[in-house]
N, C-alpha and C. Protein backbone atom coordinates (compact mmCIF):
# COMPACT_ATOMS: atom_id res chain seq x y z
N MET A 1 9.04 104.80 194.23
CA MET A 1 7.99 104.00 195.07
C MET A 1 8.32 102.82 194.85
N ILE A 2 7.90 101.97 196.05
CA ILE A 2 8.09 100.88 196.08
C ILE A 2 6.35 100.31 196.36
N VAL A 3 5.91 99.15 195.65
CA VAL A 3 4.54 98.84 195.95
C VAL A 3 4.91 97.15 196.13
N SER A 4 4.10 96.56 197.12
CA SER A 4 4.45 95.43 197.57
C SER A 4 3.24 94.29 196.88
N ASP A 5 3.75 93.25 196.84
CA ASP A 5 3.08 92.29 196.30
C ASP A 5 1.45 92.37 197.06
N LEU A 6 1.65 92.53 198.27
CA LEU A 6 0.25 92.61 199.04
C LEU A 6 -0.82 93.70 198.72
N VAL A 7 0.27 94.86 198.28
CA VAL A 7 -0.46 95.89 197.87
C VAL A 7 -1.37 95.43 196.32
N ARG A 8 -0.60 94.96 195.87
CA ARG A 8 -1.25 94.38 194.38
C ARG A 8 -2.45 93.49 194.54
N LEU A 9 -2.28 92.50 195.42
CA LEU A 9 -3.20 91.79 195.57
C LEU A 9 -4.68 92.25 196.40
N GLU A 10 -4.48 93.32 197.40
CA GLU A 10 -5.32 93.99 197.91
C GLU A 10 -6.08 94.96 196.65
N PHE A 11 -5.46 95.52 195.72
CA PHE A 11 -5.97 96.12 194.80
C PHE A 11 -6.76 95.38 194.05
N SER A 12 -6.31 94.14 193.54
CA SER A 12 -7.11 93.30 192.74
C SER A 12 -8.53 93.14 193.55
N ALA A 13 -8.43 92.84 194.68
CA ALA A 13 -9.63 92.41 195.66
C ALA A 13 -10.32 93.54 195.67
N PHE A 14 -10.12 94.63 195.68
CA PHE A 14 -10.92 95.83 195.86
C PHE A 14 -11.65 96.15 194.45
N VAL A 15 -11.04 95.77 193.39
CA VAL A 15 -11.78 95.88 191.96
C VAL A 15 -12.65 94.85 191.99
N SER A 16 -12.14 93.46 192.34
CA SER A 16 -13.14 92.38 192.18
C SER A 16 -14.47 92.80 193.02
N ARG A 17 -14.42 93.33 194.40
CA ARG A 17 -15.55 93.67 195.13
C ARG A 17 -16.31 94.65 194.62
N ALA A 18 -15.67 95.65 193.71
CA ALA A 18 -16.32 96.75 193.20
C ALA A 18 -17.41 96.28 192.12
N VAL A 19 -16.72 95.33 191.27
CA VAL A 19 -17.55 94.70 190.27
C VAL A 19 -18.81 93.68 190.92
N ARG A 20 -18.49 92.92 191.82
CA ARG A 20 -19.50 92.35 192.64
C ARG A 20 -20.61 93.39 193.16
N THR A 21 -20.26 94.29 193.77
CA THR A 21 -21.18 95.14 194.19
C THR A 21 -21.86 96.38 193.23
N LYS A 22 -21.40 96.03 191.81
CA LYS A 22 -21.99 96.74 190.85
C LYS A 22 -21.61 98.38 190.91
N ARG A 23 -20.16 98.65 191.59
CA ARG A 23 -19.80 100.03 191.76
C ARG A 23 -18.97 100.09 190.25
N PHE A 24 -18.43 98.97 189.92
CA PHE A 24 -17.63 98.90 188.46
C PHE A 24 -18.27 97.95 187.82
N ASP A 25 -18.38 98.56 186.26
CA ASP A 25 -18.46 97.34 185.25
C ASP A 25 -17.43 96.61 185.14
N SER A 26 -17.48 95.66 184.00
CA SER A 26 -16.27 94.94 183.74
C SER A 26 -15.31 95.92 182.85
N ASP A 27 -15.80 96.94 182.10
CA ASP A 27 -14.85 97.55 181.43
C ASP A 27 -14.10 98.49 182.52
N GLN A 28 -14.72 99.28 183.46
CA GLN A 28 -14.18 99.94 184.33
C GLN A 28 -13.17 99.16 185.12
N ALA A 29 -13.43 97.88 185.47
CA ALA A 29 -12.50 97.17 186.15
C ALA A 29 -11.16 96.71 185.36
N ALA A 30 -11.44 96.64 184.25
CA ALA A 30 -10.08 96.20 183.42
C ALA A 30 -9.45 97.46 182.99
N LEU A 31 -9.80 98.48 183.08
CA LEU A 31 -9.20 99.81 182.83
C LEU A 31 -8.36 99.94 184.23
N ALA A 32 -8.90 99.70 185.31
CA ALA A 32 -8.40 99.94 186.65
C ALA A 32 -7.34 99.02 187.04
N LEU A 33 -7.45 97.75 186.50
CA LEU A 33 -6.52 96.71 186.71
C LEU A 33 -5.33 97.16 185.77
N LYS A 34 -5.66 97.52 184.68
CA LYS A 34 -4.46 97.71 183.63
C LYS A 34 -3.54 98.92 184.02
N SER A 35 -4.23 99.92 184.69
CA SER A 35 -3.59 101.12 185.12
C SER A 35 -2.66 100.76 186.13
N PHE A 36 -3.41 100.11 187.10
CA PHE A 36 -2.47 99.71 188.30
C PHE A 36 -1.08 99.06 188.04
N ASP A 37 -1.55 97.99 187.00
CA ASP A 37 -0.28 97.00 186.40
C ASP A 37 0.61 97.84 185.92
N GLU A 38 0.16 99.01 185.12
CA GLU A 38 1.47 99.75 184.52
C GLU A 38 1.97 100.57 185.60
N LEU A 39 1.29 100.89 186.78
CA LEU A 39 1.91 101.57 187.69
C LEU A 39 2.82 100.81 188.48
N HIS A 40 2.39 99.56 188.76
CA HIS A 40 3.21 98.36 189.21
C HIS A 40 4.45 98.31 188.66
N LYS A 41 4.40 98.13 187.38
CA LYS A 41 5.71 97.80 186.50
C LYS A 41 6.85 99.17 186.72
N SER A 42 6.14 100.04 187.03
CA SER A 42 7.16 101.20 186.88
C SER A 42 7.83 101.62 188.41
N CYS A 43 7.21 100.60 189.34
CA CYS A 43 7.81 100.93 190.67
C CYS A 43 8.65 99.69 191.24
N ASP A 44 9.40 100.06 192.07
CA ASP A 44 10.27 98.93 192.79
C ASP A 44 9.02 98.00 193.53
N SER A 45 9.62 96.54 193.54
CA SER A 45 8.79 95.60 194.23
C SER A 45 9.13 95.23 195.58
N LEU A 46 8.40 94.90 196.40
CA LEU A 46 8.94 94.46 197.68
C LEU A 46 8.04 93.14 198.25
N GLU A 47 9.02 92.01 198.55
CA GLU A 47 8.70 90.96 198.81
C GLU A 47 8.65 90.90 200.26
N HIS A 48 7.84 90.04 201.09
CA HIS A 48 7.63 89.83 202.18
C HIS A 48 8.55 88.62 202.60
N THR A 49 9.25 88.83 203.86
CA THR A 49 9.87 87.89 204.10
C THR A 49 9.20 87.29 205.41
N LEU A 50 9.91 85.93 206.06
CA LEU A 50 9.43 85.38 207.12
C LEU A 50 9.45 86.38 208.29
N ARG A 51 10.57 86.99 208.38
CA ARG A 51 10.69 87.88 209.17
C ARG A 51 9.52 88.81 209.31
N ASP A 52 9.19 89.58 208.17
CA ASP A 52 7.94 90.40 207.89
C ASP A 52 6.90 89.77 208.74
N PHE A 53 6.50 88.39 208.60
CA PHE A 53 5.39 87.85 209.12
C PHE A 53 5.53 87.96 210.43
N SER A 54 6.72 87.62 211.03
CA SER A 54 6.86 87.54 212.52
C SER A 54 6.58 89.04 213.18
N ARG A 55 7.29 89.98 212.48
CA ARG A 55 7.01 91.27 213.24
C ARG A 55 5.37 91.54 212.89
N ALA A 56 4.76 91.13 211.99
CA ALA A 56 3.30 91.53 211.83
C ALA A 56 2.54 90.93 212.74
N ASP A 57 2.88 89.79 213.23
CA ASP A 57 2.33 88.90 214.23
C ASP A 57 2.57 89.57 215.57
N GLU A 58 3.79 90.25 215.85
CA GLU A 58 4.00 91.01 216.93
C GLU A 58 3.10 92.32 217.24
N LEU A 59 2.95 92.99 216.05
CA LEU A 59 2.20 94.20 215.72
C LEU A 59 0.81 93.85 216.34
N ILE A 60 0.16 92.60 215.83
CA ILE A 60 -1.22 92.15 215.71
C ILE A 60 -1.34 91.78 217.35
N ARG A 61 -0.39 91.32 218.18
CA ARG A 61 -0.58 90.65 219.34
C ARG A 61 -0.45 92.04 220.24
N GLU A 62 0.06 93.09 219.95
CA GLU A 62 -0.19 94.38 220.55
C GLU A 62 -1.79 94.98 220.46
N PHE A 63 -2.53 94.48 221.06
CA PHE A 63 -3.95 94.82 220.88
C PHE A 63 -4.24 96.10 220.54
N ALA A 64 -3.55 97.03 221.23
CA ALA A 64 -4.04 98.43 220.92
C ALA A 64 -3.69 98.93 219.46
N THR A 65 -3.13 98.28 218.45
CA THR A 65 -2.74 98.82 217.19
C THR A 65 -4.16 98.47 216.66
N LYS A 66 -4.84 97.66 216.83
CA LYS A 66 -6.03 97.17 216.42
C LYS A 66 -6.23 96.73 214.82
N LEU A 67 -4.96 96.12 214.48
CA LEU A 67 -4.54 95.62 213.19
C LEU A 67 -4.83 94.19 212.86
N GLY A 68 -5.56 94.01 211.57
CA GLY A 68 -5.64 92.61 210.96
C GLY A 68 -4.53 92.18 210.56
N ALA A 69 -4.55 90.90 210.00
CA ALA A 69 -3.38 90.35 209.54
C ALA A 69 -2.61 91.23 208.14
N ALA A 70 -3.47 91.39 207.29
CA ALA A 70 -2.67 92.01 206.17
C ALA A 70 -2.40 93.48 206.49
N ASP A 71 -2.98 94.37 207.21
CA ASP A 71 -2.46 95.57 207.70
C ASP A 71 -1.38 95.70 208.51
N ALA A 72 -1.16 94.59 209.28
CA ALA A 72 0.09 94.42 210.23
C ALA A 72 1.29 94.27 209.15
N LEU A 73 0.95 93.28 208.10
CA LEU A 73 2.07 93.10 207.39
C LEU A 73 2.82 94.38 206.63
N HIS A 74 1.79 95.45 206.33
CA HIS A 74 2.52 96.62 205.72
C HIS A 74 3.71 97.21 206.50
N PRO A 75 3.38 97.69 208.02
CA PRO A 75 4.45 98.32 208.62
C PRO A 75 5.51 97.36 208.92
N ALA A 76 5.12 96.08 209.06
CA ALA A 76 6.35 95.32 209.38
C ALA A 76 7.29 95.23 208.06
N SER A 77 6.73 95.06 207.07
CA SER A 77 7.70 95.08 205.98
C SER A 77 8.41 96.44 205.64
N VAL A 78 7.84 97.49 205.91
CA VAL A 78 8.35 98.90 205.73
C VAL A 78 9.26 99.03 206.87
N LEU A 79 9.01 98.48 207.81
CA LEU A 79 10.28 98.56 208.92
C LEU A 79 11.41 97.93 208.60
N ALA A 80 11.29 96.81 207.95
CA ALA A 80 12.51 95.92 207.40
C ALA A 80 13.22 96.51 206.17
N ALA A 81 12.41 97.24 205.39
CA ALA A 81 12.94 97.72 204.38
C ALA A 81 13.48 99.46 204.62
N ASP A 82 13.31 99.75 205.67
CA ASP A 82 13.73 100.94 206.24
C ASP A 82 13.41 102.16 205.23
N ILE A 83 11.95 101.93 204.97
CA ILE A 83 11.35 103.14 204.04
C ILE A 83 10.20 103.80 204.71
N SER A 84 9.34 104.63 204.13
CA SER A 84 8.25 105.13 204.80
C SER A 84 7.29 104.65 204.20
N LEU A 85 5.95 104.63 204.88
CA LEU A 85 4.79 103.85 204.69
C LEU A 85 3.79 104.99 204.01
N LEU A 86 3.33 104.90 202.92
CA LEU A 86 2.22 105.86 202.55
C LEU A 86 0.84 105.01 202.47
N THR A 87 -0.11 105.67 203.35
CA THR A 87 -1.47 104.83 203.29
C THR A 87 -2.46 105.88 203.55
N LEU A 88 -3.73 105.48 203.33
CA LEU A 88 -4.73 106.31 203.32
C LEU A 88 -5.35 106.11 204.81
N ASP A 89 -5.41 104.80 205.31
CA ASP A 89 -5.62 104.10 206.54
C ASP A 89 -5.04 104.87 207.78
N THR A 90 -6.03 105.39 208.44
CA THR A 90 -5.53 106.34 209.59
C THR A 90 -4.98 105.31 210.76
N ARG A 91 -5.81 104.13 211.10
CA ARG A 91 -5.52 103.22 211.94
C ARG A 91 -3.92 102.63 211.52
N LEU A 92 -3.63 102.37 210.28
CA LEU A 92 -2.29 101.65 209.70
C LEU A 92 -1.13 103.08 210.33
N GLN A 93 -1.68 103.90 209.90
CA GLN A 93 -0.72 105.33 210.11
C GLN A 93 -0.38 105.29 211.58
N ASP A 94 -1.37 105.27 212.46
CA ASP A 94 -1.09 105.39 213.91
C ASP A 94 0.01 104.22 214.42
N ALA A 95 -0.52 103.13 213.88
CA ALA A 95 0.05 101.81 214.26
C ALA A 95 1.87 101.92 213.88
N ALA A 96 1.85 102.29 212.67
CA ALA A 96 3.15 102.44 212.12
C ALA A 96 3.99 103.50 213.17
N ARG A 97 3.62 104.72 213.18
CA ARG A 97 3.91 105.69 214.10
C ARG A 97 4.39 105.41 215.50
N SER A 98 3.48 104.49 216.07
CA SER A 98 3.85 103.84 217.46
C SER A 98 5.11 103.19 217.46
N LYS A 99 5.42 102.76 216.05
CA LYS A 99 6.73 101.86 216.27
C LYS A 99 7.64 102.61 215.51
N ALA A 100 7.71 103.99 215.50
CA ALA A 100 8.61 104.74 214.95
C ALA A 100 8.87 104.84 213.43
N ILE A 101 7.73 104.20 212.93
CA ILE A 101 8.03 104.22 211.37
C ILE A 101 7.35 105.35 210.83
N ALA A 102 7.97 105.98 209.79
CA ALA A 102 7.50 107.04 208.95
C ALA A 102 6.41 106.64 208.29
N ALA A 103 5.09 107.52 208.81
CA ALA A 103 3.88 107.05 207.99
C ALA A 103 3.53 108.38 207.19
N ILE A 104 3.17 108.30 206.04
CA ILE A 104 2.69 109.42 205.02
C ILE A 104 1.03 109.29 204.86
N ALA A 105 0.53 110.34 205.24
CA ALA A 105 -0.88 110.24 205.29
C ALA A 105 -1.30 110.63 203.97
N VAL A 106 -2.17 109.89 203.07
CA VAL A 106 -2.82 110.35 201.88
C VAL A 106 -4.27 110.87 201.96
N ARG A 107 -4.52 111.86 201.63
CA ARG A 107 -5.80 112.63 201.76
C ARG A 107 -6.40 112.61 200.13
């Protein structure tokens, strides 16, 4: 499994938001971040390139994809690495599939 630096950033932001909205206390947040860091260490990493950002921009400019900046970077990077995208986000799945990128839905 490959986990990009962007996924790590997004997970940290999710946990931070959960603390601010009082869905997680600081102990829960620390455990979630520790668990993710352990998972991240056991995975291959994916660094985003300038070409990934250009492809993401192309996806965003295809208005039908309805993708924001960070979301567009995922399929762009997956395309460059020639791997499948694993995501919960149905909009992201649809956008990836529209570009013939294998997208695996997580339920």
